Amino acid sequence: MTRQEARNEYSAIEKRVSLVAGQLEETKAQLEATEKAYKATHLELSEAVERISELSTANSTLQASKRKVDTELQTIHVRITTLVNLVTLTFDL
């Protein structure tokens, strides 16, 4: 191998090294962006899970309140029916 051939090969190797180094830096930047996006998505997921838990608790509370109101309405209905029957009996006398 002549001196010129060695220089040419060395120059070609430097170009490849430079290209690979550029690709490495680009890959590192992509990895960093991917990790950042992953962390943001994970945070959003955690917030969504927390919100679902809060809404589930609120829903359970509302269902319990609805059952209580339904029971009270049934009681009121029975009382009204009883009063109507008493009034009807009173006027029938």
C-alpha atoms as a PDB file:
ATOM      1  CA  MET A   1       0.000   0.000   0.000  1.00  0.00           C
ATOM      2  CA  THR A   2       1.391   3.339  -0.993  1.00  0.00           C
ATOM      3  CA  ARG A   3       1.445   6.383   1.195  1.00  0.00           C
ATOM      4  CA  GLN A   4      -1.309   8.033  -0.903  1.00  0.00           C
ATOM      5  CA  GLU A   5      -3.500   4.947  -0.667  1.00  0.00           C
ATOM      6  CA  ALA A   6      -3.025   4.923   3.104  1.00  0.00           C
ATOM      7  CA  ARG A   7      -4.015   8.605   3.273  1.00  0.00           C
ATOM      8  CA  ASN A   8      -7.073   7.948   1.125  1.00  0.00           C
ATOM      9  CA  GLU A   9      -8.096   5.012   3.307  1.00  0.00           C
ATOM     10  CA  TYR A  10      -7.467   7.044   6.451  1.00  0.00           C
ATOM     11  CA  SER A  11      -9.595   9.870   5.031  1.00  0.00           C
ATOM     12  CA  ALA A  12     -12.389   7.432   4.158  1.00  0.00           C
ATOM     13  CA  ILE A  13     -12.254   5.955   7.665  1.00  0.00           C
ATOM     14  CA  GLU A  14     -12.416   9.448   9.204  1.00  0.00           C
ATOM     15  CA  LYS A  15     -15.498  10.215   7.108  1.00  0.00           C
ATOM     16  CA  ARG A  16     -17.161   6.988   8.262  1.00  0.00           C
ATOM     17  CA  VAL A  17     -16.254   7.712  11.881  1.00  0.00           C
ATOM     18  CA  SER A  18     -17.672  11.224  11.524  1.00  0.00           C
ATOM     19  CA  LEU A  19     -20.843   9.835   9.944  1.00  0.00           C
ATOM     20  CA  VAL A  20     -21.258   7.216  12.682  1.00  0.00           C
ATOM     21  CA  ALA A  21     -20.604   9.858  15.367  1.00  0.00           C
ATOM     22  CA  GLY A  22     -23.322  12.040  13.812  1.00  0.00           C
ATOM     23  CA  GLN A  23     -25.719   9.106  13.745  1.00  0.00           C
ATOM     24  CA  LEU A  24     -24.868   8.367  17.374  1.00  0.00           C
ATOM     25  CA  GLU A  25     -25.644  11.946  18.406  1.00  0.00           C
ATOM     26  CA  GLU A  26     -28.909  11.835  16.466  1.00  0.00           C
ATOM     27  CA  THR A  27     -29.816   8.537  18.121  1.00  0.00           C
ATOM     28  CA  LYS A  28     -29.023   9.985  21.552  1.00  0.00           C
ATOM     29  CA  ALA A  29     -31.253  12.990  20.819  1.00  0.00           C
ATOM     30  CA  GLN A  30     -34.062  10.689  19.679  1.00  0.00           C
ATOM     31  CA  LEU A  31     -33.649   8.551  22.796  1.00  0.00           C
ATOM     32  CA  GLU A  32     -33.787  11.629  25.002  1.00  0.00           C
ATOM     33  CA  ALA A  33     -36.943  12.858  23.239  1.00  0.00           C
ATOM     34  CA  THR A  34     -38.495   9.402  23.570  1.00  0.00           C
ATOM     35  CA  GLU A  35     -37.684   9.246  27.290  1.00  0.00           C
ATOM     36  CA  LYS A  36     -39.159  12.721  27.789  1.00  0.00           C
ATOM     37  CA  ALA A  37     -42.339  11.704  25.934  1.00  0.00           C
ATOM     38  CA  TYR A  38     -42.512   8.484  27.982  1.00  0.00           C
ATOM     39  CA  LYS A  39     -42.266  10.423  31.250  1.00  0.00           C
ATOM     40  CA  ALA A  40     -44.951  12.877  30.112  1.00  0.00           C
ATOM     41  CA  THR A  41     -47.234  10.011  29.069  1.00  0.00           C
ATOM     42  CA  HIS A  42     -46.609   8.220  32.351  1.00  0.00           C
ATOM     43  CA  LEU A  43     -47.496  11.400  34.266  1.00  0.00           C
ATOM     44  CA  GLU A  44     -50.692  11.804  32.223  1.00  0.00           C
ATOM     45  CA  LEU A  45     -51.588   8.175  32.912  1.00  0.00           C
ATOM     46  CA  SER A  46     -51.013   8.631  36.647  1.00  0.00           C
ATOM     47  CA  GLU A  47     -53.202  11.746  36.644  1.00  0.00           C
ATOM     48  CA  ALA A  48     -55.911   9.919  34.691  1.00  0.00           C
ATOM     49  CA  VAL A  49     -55.864   6.981  37.125  1.00  0.00           C
ATOM     50  CA  GLU A  50     -56.119   9.414  40.047  1.00  0.00           C
ATOM     51  CA  ARG A  51     -59.029  11.254  38.391  1.00  0.00           C
ATOM     52  CA  ILE A  52     -60.808   7.955  37.703  1.00  0.00           C
ATOM     53  CA  SER A  53     -60.417   7.036  41.366  1.00  0.00           C
ATOM     54  CA  GLU A  54     -61.829  10.401  42.448  1.00  0.00           C
ATOM     55  CA  LEU A  55     -64.770  10.096  40.049  1.00  0.00           C
ATOM     56  CA  SER A  56     -65.428   6.532  41.146  1.00  0.00           C
ATOM     57  CA  THR A  57     -65.563   7.655  44.779  1.00  0.00           C
ATOM     58  CA  ALA A  58     -67.865  10.552  43.869  1.00  0.00           C
ATOM     59  CA  ASN A  59     -70.075   8.187  41.881  1.00  0.00           C
ATOM     60  CA  SER A  60     -70.365   5.799  44.840  1.00  0.00           C
ATOM     61  CA  THR A  61     -71.277   8.698  47.119  1.00  0.00           C
ATOM     62  CA  LEU A  62     -73.919   9.911  44.673  1.00  0.00           C
ATOM     63  CA  GLN A  63     -75.381   6.421  44.329  1.00  0.00           C
ATOM     64  CA  ALA A  64     -75.656   6.143  48.111  1.00  0.00           C
ATOM     65  CA  SER A  65     -77.330   9.566  48.251  1.00  0.00           C
ATOM     66  CA  LYS A  66     -79.752   8.534  45.506  1.00  0.00           C
ATOM     67  CA  ARG A  67     -80.698   5.372  47.386  1.00  0.00           C
ATOM     68  CA  LYS A  68     -81.317   7.451  50.520  1.00  0.00           C
ATOM     69  CA  VAL A  69     -83.492   9.943  48.617  1.00  0.00           C
ATOM     70  CA  ASP A  70     -85.400   7.102  46.949  1.00  0.00           C
ATOM     71  CA  THR A  71     -86.090   5.556  50.353  1.00  0.00           C
ATOM     72  CA  GLU A  72     -87.229   8.916  51.749  1.00  0.00           C
ATOM     73  CA  LEU A  73     -89.503   9.437  48.736  1.00  0.00           C
ATOM     74  CA  GLN A  74     -91.069   6.012  49.282  1.00  0.00           C
ATOM     75  CA  THR A  75     -91.656   6.902  52.934  1.00  0.00           C
ATOM     76  CA  ILE A  76     -93.251  10.224  51.946  1.00  0.00           C
ATOM     77  CA  HIS A  77     -95.398   8.455  49.370  1.00  0.00           C
ATOM     78  CA  VAL A  78     -96.644   5.993  52.005  1.00  0.00           C
ATOM     79  CA  ARG A  79     -97.415   8.864  54.399  1.00  0.00           C
ATOM     80  CA  ILE A  80     -99.277  10.822  51.715  1.00  0.00           C
ATOM     81  CA  THR A  81    -101.268   7.744  50.750  1.00  0.00           C
ATOM     82  CA  THR A  82    -102.121   7.175  54.408  1.00  0.00           C
ATOM     83  CA  LEU A  83    -103.189  10.792  54.855  1.00  0.00           C
ATOM     84  CA  VAL A  84    -105.299  10.713  51.674  1.00  0.00           C
ATOM     85  CA  ASN A  85    -107.004   7.550  52.919  1.00  0.00           C
ATOM     86  CA  LEU A  86    -107.665   9.172  56.308  1.00  0.00           C
ATOM     87  CA  VAL A  87    -109.093  12.288  54.690  1.00  0.00           C
ATOM     88  CA  THR A  88    -111.231  10.154  52.412  1.00  0.00           C
ATOM     89  CA  LEU A  89    -112.546   8.157  55.368  1.00  0.00           C
ATOM     90  CA  THR A  90    -113.236  11.354  57.318  1.00  0.00           C
ATOM     91  CA  PHE A  91    -115.275  12.843  54.497  1.00  0.00           C
ATOM     92  CA  ASP A  92    -117.118   9.594  53.935  1.00  0.00           C
ATOM     93  CA  LEU A  93    -118.419   9.677  57.486  1.00  0.00           C
END
